Structures are given as structure tokens and as C-alpha cells.
Amino acid sequence: MIKTRQLLILVSTLLLATLFGCQSTSTFYRGLAVAPEYIVPIPGGATNERWETFDLSIVFSYTENNRKFDITGKTRMSEHYQMNYGTLTRLDVYLLFLDHNLRVVKTARLHTTTNSDTESVMPFDQSLTIPDDAASFSFAYDGVALESGDKKRSPHFFWLRPK
């Protein structure tokens, strides 16, 4: 009886993990709103633009032509992280295409970084198709950093996501 129950719990857990793990990146955050201060209009393009939060900065260039969107850039952790945290255990950075109401219509992963130094520069280069209803874009991220030094290295979780 106990073995059957344990097996059922194990199978159920694996099934749920598989289902949630297979979600397409393009549907992440769909329908959620982004704060206006983080918005970049799509039309045209830009060179060496800076998008910045307390956690990190992204310097990027992009072009837009006939629904084609090319973006290159570099992500760098803020000085706070460089001074207080030694290791970036994980960082996922996303590009969010937004409609006229600043709601996410599509998400693309720009890059994932694992086990990196917090002073590292993380480059990205993507060519994407702009969704028909997209009018602007923004970024989202989520990561974990570990403290520097000899003390117990507690993880620090940080993120910026649409709401």
C-alpha cells in the first residue's frame, strides 16, 4: 500500500513537472502589464540605448523593418551586485513585445547565464518577428546571486516581471 502510494506521488510529481516545464517561452507573461517607465517604442530603431534598473543595465541597439526585429546588446549587473555578490548563479533575460495597452503579447528569451561572475558582461544577438499587435517592447529578468566572501553564501533572488 505504501509503495503504491509513493509511486503514485512520484509519477504525479514528474507529470506536473513535465507539463509546466514544457511551457513555450513565447507565452511567458502573456496578458500582463509593464510599467510605462520601462517601455521602448518599436518603430524605427536605436543605437546604444540604455535600459536600467537597480539590478542590472542593458545597453542595446535594434532595427525594425517589415515586422523583422534585430536586437543586439549586453547585459551587466549593477554596481551593487558587483560589490556585494560574487557569483551569478542564474540570470534569464527576456524581451517582451507589448500591445498599445502595454500588455505582453509575446516573450522571447534573450539569454540565460549560469554560474558567472557578477562583473561579467553578457552579450545577446537575436532576430525576431514582431507580432502584429505589438507597438513597443520592454525587458524582464529573473536571477539568483550568491554573496561574496567567506561567510555563508546565502542566495539572493531578484527579478523584474510584468504584473
N, C-alpha and C. Protein backbone atom coordinates (compact mmCIF):
# COMPACT_ATOMS: atom_id res chain seq x y z
N MET A 1 0.82 -1.20 0.00
CA MET A 1 0.00 0.00 0.00
C MET A 1 0.87 1.26 0.00
N ILE A 2 1.87 1.30 0.88
CA ILE A 2 2.73 2.49 0.97
C ILE A 2 3.55 2.65 -0.30
N LYS A 3 4.08 1.56 -0.84
CA LYS A 3 4.87 1.65 -2.07
C LYS A 3 4.02 2.14 -3.23
N THR A 4 2.79 1.68 -3.33
CA THR A 4 1.89 2.12 -4.40
C THR A 4 1.61 3.61 -4.27
N ARG A 5 1.38 4.05 -3.05
CA ARG A 5 1.11 5.48 -2.81
C ARG A 5 2.34 6.32 -3.16
N GLN A 6 3.52 5.88 -2.74
CA GLN A 6 4.75 6.61 -3.05
C GLN A 6 4.99 6.66 -4.56
N LEU A 7 4.72 5.56 -5.23
CA LEU A 7 4.88 5.51 -6.68
C LEU A 7 3.90 6.47 -7.36
N LEU A 8 2.67 6.51 -6.88
CA LEU A 8 1.66 7.41 -7.44
C LEU A 8 2.07 8.87 -7.24
N ILE A 9 2.58 9.21 -6.07
CA ILE A 9 3.04 10.58 -5.80
C ILE A 9 4.22 10.92 -6.71
N LEU A 10 5.16 10.01 -6.87
CA LEU A 10 6.31 10.24 -7.73
C LEU A 10 5.90 10.47 -9.18
N VAL A 11 5.02 9.62 -9.69
CA VAL A 11 4.56 9.74 -11.08
C VAL A 11 3.80 11.05 -11.27
N SER A 12 2.94 11.41 -10.31
CA SER A 12 2.19 12.67 -10.39
C SER A 12 3.13 13.88 -10.40
N THR A 13 4.13 13.85 -9.55
CA THR A 13 5.10 14.95 -9.48
C THR A 13 5.86 15.08 -10.79
N LEU A 14 6.30 13.97 -11.33
CA LEU A 14 7.03 14.01 -12.60
C LEU A 14 6.15 14.51 -13.74
N LEU A 15 4.91 14.09 -13.76
CA LEU A 15 3.97 14.53 -14.78
C LEU A 15 3.74 16.04 -14.70
N LEU A 16 3.51 16.56 -13.52
CA LEU A 16 3.32 18.01 -13.35
C LEU A 16 4.57 18.78 -13.74
N ALA A 17 5.73 18.32 -13.34
CA ALA A 17 6.99 18.99 -13.69
C ALA A 17 7.18 19.02 -15.20
N THR A 18 6.84 17.93 -15.85
CA THR A 18 6.97 17.87 -17.31
C THR A 18 6.01 18.85 -17.98
N LEU A 19 4.77 18.88 -17.53
CA LEU A 19 3.78 19.78 -18.13
C LEU A 19 4.17 21.24 -17.96
N PHE A 20 4.57 21.65 -16.76
CA PHE A 20 4.93 23.05 -16.53
C PHE A 20 6.27 23.39 -17.14
N GLY A 21 7.16 22.44 -17.23
CA GLY A 21 8.48 22.68 -17.81
C GLY A 21 8.44 22.83 -19.32
N CYS A 22 7.38 22.41 -19.95
CA CYS A 22 7.28 22.46 -21.40
C CYS A 22 6.56 23.70 -21.92
N GLN A 23 6.25 24.65 -21.05
CA GLN A 23 5.58 25.87 -21.49
C GLN A 23 6.50 26.64 -22.43
N SER A 24 5.95 27.09 -23.53
CA SER A 24 6.72 27.85 -24.50
C SER A 24 7.09 29.21 -23.94
N THR A 25 8.34 29.62 -24.18
CA THR A 25 8.80 30.93 -23.72
C THR A 25 7.92 32.04 -24.28
N SER A 26 7.41 31.88 -25.48
CA SER A 26 6.64 32.94 -26.12
C SER A 26 5.36 33.28 -25.34
N THR A 27 4.88 32.38 -24.50
CA THR A 27 3.67 32.65 -23.74
C THR A 27 3.95 33.17 -22.33
N PHE A 28 5.21 33.23 -21.91
CA PHE A 28 5.54 33.78 -20.60
C PHE A 28 4.95 35.17 -20.48
N TYR A 29 4.28 35.46 -19.41
CA TYR A 29 3.78 36.79 -19.07
C TYR A 29 2.67 37.31 -19.99
N ARG A 30 2.18 36.52 -20.92
CA ARG A 30 1.16 36.99 -21.86
C ARG A 30 -0.03 37.59 -21.11
N GLY A 31 -0.42 38.80 -21.53
CA GLY A 31 -1.56 39.49 -20.94
C GLY A 31 -1.22 40.34 -19.74
N LEU A 32 -0.01 40.22 -19.20
CA LEU A 32 0.38 41.02 -18.04
C LEU A 32 0.90 42.39 -18.49
N ALA A 33 0.77 43.38 -17.62
CA ALA A 33 1.13 44.77 -17.96
C ALA A 33 2.55 45.11 -17.50
N VAL A 34 3.18 46.01 -18.26
CA VAL A 34 4.52 46.51 -17.94
C VAL A 34 4.40 47.97 -17.56
N ALA A 35 5.16 48.40 -16.57
CA ALA A 35 5.15 49.80 -16.13
C ALA A 35 5.64 50.71 -17.26
N PRO A 36 4.98 51.85 -17.46
CA PRO A 36 5.32 52.75 -18.58
C PRO A 36 6.78 53.21 -18.61
N GLU A 37 7.42 53.33 -17.45
CA GLU A 37 8.82 53.81 -17.44
C GLU A 37 9.80 52.82 -18.05
N TYR A 38 9.37 51.58 -18.30
CA TYR A 38 10.27 50.58 -18.87
C TYR A 38 10.01 50.30 -20.35
N ILE A 39 9.19 51.10 -20.99
CA ILE A 39 8.75 50.85 -22.37
C ILE A 39 9.69 51.49 -23.39
N VAL A 40 9.92 50.77 -24.49
CA VAL A 40 10.67 51.30 -25.64
C VAL A 40 9.77 51.15 -26.87
N PRO A 41 9.47 52.26 -27.60
CA PRO A 41 8.63 52.13 -28.80
C PRO A 41 9.36 51.36 -29.90
N ILE A 42 8.63 50.56 -30.66
CA ILE A 42 9.25 49.75 -31.71
C ILE A 42 9.65 50.54 -32.95
N PRO A 43 8.80 51.39 -33.50
CA PRO A 43 9.10 51.96 -34.82
C PRO A 43 10.51 52.53 -34.95
N GLY A 44 11.14 52.19 -36.09
CA GLY A 44 12.47 52.72 -36.39
C GLY A 44 13.58 51.85 -35.85
N GLY A 45 14.32 52.40 -34.91
CA GLY A 45 15.44 51.69 -34.33
C GLY A 45 16.19 52.61 -33.39
N ALA A 46 17.25 52.10 -32.81
CA ALA A 46 18.06 52.90 -31.89
C ALA A 46 19.44 52.27 -31.78
N THR A 47 20.39 53.09 -31.41
CA THR A 47 21.76 52.62 -31.25
C THR A 47 22.25 52.98 -29.85
N ASN A 48 22.84 52.01 -29.18
CA ASN A 48 23.40 52.19 -27.84
C ASN A 48 22.43 52.81 -26.85
N GLU A 49 21.21 52.33 -26.86
CA GLU A 49 20.21 52.74 -25.87
C GLU A 49 20.53 52.05 -24.54
N ARG A 50 20.12 52.67 -23.45
CA ARG A 50 20.36 52.10 -22.12
C ARG A 50 19.02 51.90 -21.41
N TRP A 51 18.80 50.70 -20.94
CA TRP A 51 17.62 50.34 -20.14
C TRP A 51 18.17 49.89 -18.80
N GLU A 52 17.72 50.49 -17.70
CA GLU A 52 18.39 50.24 -16.43
C GLU A 52 17.41 50.11 -15.27
N THR A 53 17.72 49.20 -14.36
CA THR A 53 17.01 49.04 -13.10
C THR A 53 18.05 48.99 -11.98
N PHE A 54 17.60 48.84 -10.75
CA PHE A 54 18.53 48.71 -9.64
C PHE A 54 19.44 47.50 -9.82
N ASP A 55 18.92 46.43 -10.40
CA ASP A 55 19.64 45.16 -10.50
C ASP A 55 20.65 45.11 -11.65
N LEU A 56 20.29 45.66 -12.79
CA LEU A 56 21.14 45.49 -13.98
C LEU A 56 20.89 46.59 -15.00
N SER A 57 21.77 46.62 -15.98
CA SER A 57 21.57 47.54 -17.11
C SER A 57 21.75 46.74 -18.40
N ILE A 58 21.00 47.17 -19.41
CA ILE A 58 21.09 46.56 -20.73
C ILE A 58 21.37 47.69 -21.71
N VAL A 59 22.49 47.59 -22.40
CA VAL A 59 22.81 48.53 -23.48
C VAL A 59 22.54 47.78 -24.77
N PHE A 60 21.70 48.36 -25.63
CA PHE A 60 21.25 47.62 -26.80
C PHE A 60 21.08 48.53 -28.02
N SER A 61 21.11 47.89 -29.16
CA SER A 61 20.80 48.54 -30.44
C SER A 61 19.78 47.65 -31.13
N TYR A 62 18.84 48.28 -31.86
CA TYR A 62 17.86 47.47 -32.57
C TYR A 62 17.43 48.16 -33.85
N THR A 63 16.97 47.34 -34.78
CA THR A 63 16.36 47.83 -36.01
C THR A 63 15.05 47.09 -36.21
N GLU A 64 14.14 47.76 -36.90
CA GLU A 64 12.84 47.19 -37.19
C GLU A 64 12.53 47.51 -38.64
N ASN A 65 12.16 46.46 -39.39
CA ASN A 65 11.84 46.66 -40.80
C ASN A 65 10.90 45.54 -41.25
N ASN A 66 9.71 45.91 -41.71
CA ASN A 66 8.74 44.92 -42.20
C ASN A 66 8.51 43.77 -41.23
N ARG A 67 8.24 44.10 -39.98
CA ARG A 67 7.95 43.12 -38.92
C ARG A 67 9.16 42.28 -38.52
N LYS A 68 10.32 42.63 -39.03
CA LYS A 68 11.56 41.95 -38.61
C LYS A 68 12.23 42.83 -37.56
N PHE A 69 12.67 42.22 -36.48
CA PHE A 69 13.24 42.93 -35.34
C PHE A 69 14.60 42.31 -35.03
N ASP A 70 15.66 43.08 -35.19
CA ASP A 70 17.02 42.63 -34.87
C ASP A 70 17.51 43.43 -33.67
N ILE A 71 17.97 42.72 -32.65
CA ILE A 71 18.45 43.39 -31.44
C ILE A 71 19.76 42.75 -30.99
N THR A 72 20.72 43.60 -30.65
CA THR A 72 22.00 43.16 -30.10
C THR A 72 22.26 44.00 -28.86
N GLY A 73 23.02 43.45 -27.96
CA GLY A 73 23.33 44.23 -26.77
C GLY A 73 24.11 43.45 -25.75
N LYS A 74 24.23 44.08 -24.59
CA LYS A 74 24.97 43.48 -23.47
C LYS A 74 24.25 43.77 -22.18
N THR A 75 24.19 42.76 -21.34
CA THR A 75 23.61 42.91 -20.00
C THR A 75 24.76 42.92 -19.00
N ARG A 76 24.63 43.79 -18.01
CA ARG A 76 25.65 43.88 -16.97
C ARG A 76 24.95 44.11 -15.63
N MET A 77 25.39 43.41 -14.61
CA MET A 77 24.82 43.60 -13.28
C MET A 77 25.22 44.97 -12.74
N SER A 78 24.38 45.53 -11.88
CA SER A 78 24.65 46.85 -11.31
C SER A 78 25.84 46.79 -10.36
N GLU A 79 26.33 47.97 -10.01
CA GLU A 79 27.47 48.07 -9.09
C GLU A 79 27.15 47.40 -7.75
N HIS A 80 25.93 47.51 -7.31
CA HIS A 80 25.52 46.88 -6.06
C HIS A 80 25.83 45.38 -6.08
N TYR A 81 25.48 44.72 -7.17
CA TYR A 81 25.73 43.28 -7.29
C TYR A 81 27.21 42.99 -7.46
N GLN A 82 27.90 43.80 -8.21
CA GLN A 82 29.32 43.59 -8.41
C GLN A 82 30.09 43.71 -7.10
N MET A 83 29.65 44.60 -6.21
CA MET A 83 30.37 44.83 -4.94
C MET A 83 29.97 43.83 -3.85
N ASN A 84 28.73 43.36 -3.87
CA ASN A 84 28.22 42.56 -2.76
C ASN A 84 28.02 41.08 -3.05
N TYR A 85 28.02 40.72 -4.31
CA TYR A 85 27.76 39.33 -4.68
C TYR A 85 28.86 38.86 -5.63
N GLY A 86 29.38 37.68 -5.38
CA GLY A 86 30.48 37.19 -6.19
C GLY A 86 30.05 36.39 -7.41
N THR A 87 28.97 35.64 -7.25
CA THR A 87 28.56 34.72 -8.31
C THR A 87 27.12 34.96 -8.72
N LEU A 88 26.92 34.95 -10.01
CA LEU A 88 25.58 34.99 -10.58
C LEU A 88 25.24 33.55 -10.89
N THR A 89 24.44 32.92 -10.05
CA THR A 89 24.11 31.51 -10.23
C THR A 89 23.28 31.30 -11.48
N ARG A 90 22.32 32.22 -11.70
CA ARG A 90 21.47 32.13 -12.87
C ARG A 90 20.90 33.50 -13.18
N LEU A 91 20.79 33.80 -14.47
CA LEU A 91 20.09 35.01 -14.92
C LEU A 91 19.43 34.71 -16.25
N ASP A 92 18.12 34.91 -16.31
CA ASP A 92 17.36 34.81 -17.56
C ASP A 92 16.88 36.21 -17.91
N VAL A 93 17.16 36.65 -19.13
CA VAL A 93 16.71 37.96 -19.61
C VAL A 93 15.78 37.74 -20.79
N TYR A 94 14.63 38.41 -20.75
CA TYR A 94 13.59 38.25 -21.77
C TYR A 94 13.29 39.57 -22.45
N LEU A 95 12.92 39.49 -23.71
CA LEU A 95 12.38 40.62 -24.45
C LEU A 95 10.87 40.44 -24.49
N LEU A 96 10.14 41.49 -24.14
CA LEU A 96 8.68 41.43 -24.11
C LEU A 96 8.13 42.33 -25.20
N PHE A 97 7.36 41.78 -26.13
CA PHE A 97 6.64 42.60 -27.10
C PHE A 97 5.31 42.99 -26.46
N LEU A 98 4.95 44.28 -26.57
CA LEU A 98 3.78 44.81 -25.88
C LEU A 98 2.78 45.41 -26.87
N ASP A 99 1.50 45.34 -26.53
CA ASP A 99 0.49 45.98 -27.37
C ASP A 99 0.33 47.45 -26.95
N HIS A 100 -0.68 48.14 -27.49
CA HIS A 100 -0.89 49.55 -27.19
C HIS A 100 -1.32 49.79 -25.74
N ASN A 101 -1.77 48.75 -25.07
CA ASN A 101 -2.17 48.86 -23.66
C ASN A 101 -1.04 48.44 -22.72
N LEU A 102 0.17 48.28 -23.26
CA LEU A 102 1.37 47.89 -22.51
C LEU A 102 1.24 46.49 -21.90
N ARG A 103 0.50 45.63 -22.56
CA ARG A 103 0.35 44.25 -22.13
C ARG A 103 1.20 43.34 -23.02
N VAL A 104 1.77 42.32 -22.42
CA VAL A 104 2.66 41.40 -23.14
C VAL A 104 1.86 40.57 -24.14
N VAL A 105 2.32 40.58 -25.40
CA VAL A 105 1.71 39.73 -26.43
C VAL A 105 2.63 38.57 -26.81
N LYS A 106 3.93 38.75 -26.60
CA LYS A 106 4.88 37.67 -26.89
C LYS A 106 6.17 37.91 -26.12
N THR A 107 6.81 36.83 -25.71
CA THR A 107 8.06 36.89 -24.97
C THR A 107 9.12 36.08 -25.71
N ALA A 108 10.34 36.61 -25.75
CA ALA A 108 11.47 35.88 -26.33
C ALA A 108 12.63 35.92 -25.32
N ARG A 109 13.25 34.79 -25.10
CA ARG A 109 14.41 34.75 -24.20
C ARG A 109 15.62 35.34 -24.94
N LEU A 110 16.23 36.38 -24.38
CA LEU A 110 17.43 36.97 -24.99
C LEU A 110 18.68 36.19 -24.62
N HIS A 111 18.79 35.84 -23.35
CA HIS A 111 19.92 34.99 -22.94
C HIS A 111 19.71 34.42 -21.55
N THR A 112 20.41 33.32 -21.31
CA THR A 112 20.46 32.69 -20.00
C THR A 112 21.92 32.57 -19.62
N THR A 113 22.23 32.95 -18.41
CA THR A 113 23.59 32.86 -17.91
C THR A 113 23.57 32.02 -16.65
N THR A 114 24.54 31.12 -16.51
CA THR A 114 24.64 30.32 -15.29
C THR A 114 26.08 30.34 -14.80
N ASN A 115 26.20 30.34 -13.48
CA ASN A 115 27.50 30.28 -12.81
C ASN A 115 28.51 31.24 -13.42
N SER A 116 28.18 32.50 -13.37
CA SER A 116 29.01 33.55 -13.94
C SER A 116 29.44 34.51 -12.83
N ASP A 117 30.49 35.23 -13.07
CA ASP A 117 30.94 36.29 -12.17
C ASP A 117 29.97 37.47 -12.30
N THR A 118 29.68 38.16 -11.22
CA THR A 118 28.74 39.28 -11.28
C THR A 118 29.31 40.47 -12.06
N GLU A 119 30.59 40.46 -12.36
CA GLU A 119 31.19 41.53 -13.16
C GLU A 119 31.20 41.20 -14.65
N SER A 120 30.72 40.03 -15.01
CA SER A 120 30.71 39.61 -16.42
C SER A 120 29.76 40.47 -17.24
N VAL A 121 30.13 40.62 -18.51
CA VAL A 121 29.25 41.26 -19.48
C VAL A 121 28.63 40.14 -20.29
N MET A 122 27.31 40.15 -20.42
CA MET A 122 26.58 39.05 -21.06
C MET A 122 25.96 39.54 -22.37
N PRO A 123 26.55 39.17 -23.50
CA PRO A 123 26.05 39.65 -24.80
C PRO A 123 24.85 38.86 -25.30
N PHE A 124 24.08 39.50 -26.19
CA PHE A 124 22.98 38.81 -26.87
C PHE A 124 22.84 39.38 -28.27
N ASP A 125 22.27 38.58 -29.15
CA ASP A 125 22.06 38.95 -30.55
C ASP A 125 20.90 38.10 -31.06
N GLN A 126 19.78 38.73 -31.38
CA GLN A 126 18.59 37.99 -31.78
C GLN A 126 17.93 38.64 -32.99
N SER A 127 17.36 37.81 -33.84
CA SER A 127 16.48 38.25 -34.92
C SER A 127 15.12 37.63 -34.66
N LEU A 128 14.10 38.49 -34.57
CA LEU A 128 12.77 38.03 -34.19
C LEU A 128 11.73 38.59 -35.14
N THR A 129 10.57 38.00 -35.15
CA THR A 129 9.43 38.52 -35.90
C THR A 129 8.55 39.28 -34.93
N ILE A 130 8.19 40.49 -35.29
CA ILE A 130 7.34 41.32 -34.43
C ILE A 130 5.89 40.84 -34.57
N PRO A 131 5.22 40.54 -33.47
CA PRO A 131 3.81 40.17 -33.54
C PRO A 131 2.99 41.33 -34.13
N ASP A 132 1.93 41.00 -34.84
CA ASP A 132 1.10 42.02 -35.49
C ASP A 132 0.58 43.08 -34.55
N ASP A 133 0.22 42.71 -33.33
CA ASP A 133 -0.36 43.67 -32.40
C ASP A 133 0.66 44.35 -31.48
N ALA A 134 1.96 44.17 -31.73
CA ALA A 134 2.99 44.78 -30.90
C ALA A 134 3.25 46.23 -31.31
N ALA A 135 3.34 47.11 -30.30
CA ALA A 135 3.61 48.53 -30.54
C ALA A 135 4.88 49.00 -29.85
N SER A 136 5.33 48.24 -28.84
CA SER A 136 6.52 48.61 -28.09
C SER A 136 7.14 47.34 -27.52
N PHE A 137 8.24 47.53 -26.81
CA PHE A 137 8.85 46.37 -26.16
C PHE A 137 9.46 46.80 -24.84
N SER A 138 9.83 45.81 -24.06
CA SER A 138 10.50 46.03 -22.79
C SER A 138 11.30 44.77 -22.47
N PHE A 139 11.87 44.74 -21.29
CA PHE A 139 12.65 43.59 -20.86
C PHE A 139 12.10 43.08 -19.53
N ALA A 140 12.38 41.84 -19.24
CA ALA A 140 12.09 41.23 -17.94
C ALA A 140 13.27 40.34 -17.61
N TYR A 141 13.44 40.05 -16.35
CA TYR A 141 14.54 39.17 -15.95
C TYR A 141 14.22 38.52 -14.64
N ASP A 142 15.02 37.49 -14.36
CA ASP A 142 14.89 36.81 -13.09
C ASP A 142 16.19 36.07 -12.87
N GLY A 143 16.73 36.20 -11.65
CA GLY A 143 18.03 35.61 -11.38
C GLY A 143 18.30 35.33 -9.92
N VAL A 144 19.47 34.73 -9.68
CA VAL A 144 19.94 34.39 -8.34
C VAL A 144 21.42 34.73 -8.27
N ALA A 145 21.80 35.46 -7.21
CA ALA A 145 23.21 35.80 -6.97
C ALA A 145 23.62 35.24 -5.61
N LEU A 146 24.90 34.93 -5.47
CA LEU A 146 25.43 34.46 -4.20
C LEU A 146 26.37 35.50 -3.62
N GLU A 147 26.32 35.67 -2.30
CA GLU A 147 27.15 36.64 -1.63
C GLU A 147 28.64 36.35 -1.83
N SER A 148 29.45 37.40 -1.75
CA SER A 148 30.90 37.27 -1.82
C SER A 148 31.46 36.95 -0.44
N GLY A 149 32.70 36.52 -0.40
CA GLY A 149 33.40 36.37 0.87
C GLY A 149 33.32 34.98 1.46
N ASP A 150 33.86 34.89 2.67
CA ASP A 150 33.98 33.61 3.35
C ASP A 150 32.73 33.25 4.16
N LYS A 151 31.85 34.22 4.38
CA LYS A 151 30.66 33.91 5.16
C LYS A 151 29.73 32.97 4.40
N LYS A 152 28.72 32.49 5.11
CA LYS A 152 27.75 31.60 4.47
C LYS A 152 27.18 32.31 3.24
N ARG A 153 27.23 31.65 2.12
CA ARG A 153 26.82 32.25 0.85
C ARG A 153 25.34 32.06 0.63
N SER A 154 24.56 32.98 1.14
CA SER A 154 23.10 32.91 1.01
C SER A 154 22.68 33.36 -0.39
N PRO A 155 21.73 32.69 -0.99
CA PRO A 155 21.26 33.13 -2.30
C PRO A 155 20.40 34.39 -2.19
N HIS A 156 20.53 35.24 -3.17
CA HIS A 156 19.71 36.45 -3.27
C HIS A 156 18.94 36.36 -4.58
N PHE A 157 17.61 36.34 -4.48
CA PHE A 157 16.76 36.23 -5.65
C PHE A 157 16.33 37.63 -6.07
N PHE A 158 16.35 37.91 -7.36
CA PHE A 158 15.95 39.22 -7.86
C PHE A 158 15.22 39.05 -9.18
N TRP A 159 14.34 39.98 -9.51
CA TRP A 159 13.55 39.86 -10.73
C TRP A 159 12.88 41.18 -11.04
N LEU A 160 12.49 41.29 -12.28
CA LEU A 160 11.57 42.34 -12.75
C LEU A 160 10.68 41.65 -13.76
N ARG A 161 9.40 41.58 -13.44
CA ARG A 161 8.43 40.88 -14.30
C ARG A 161 7.21 41.78 -14.47
N PRO A 162 6.49 41.58 -15.55
CA PRO A 162 5.22 42.32 -15.69
C PRO A 162 4.22 41.85 -14.64
N LYS A 163 3.24 42.70 -14.37
CA LYS A 163 2.23 42.36 -13.34
C LYS A 163 0.86 42.18 -13.94
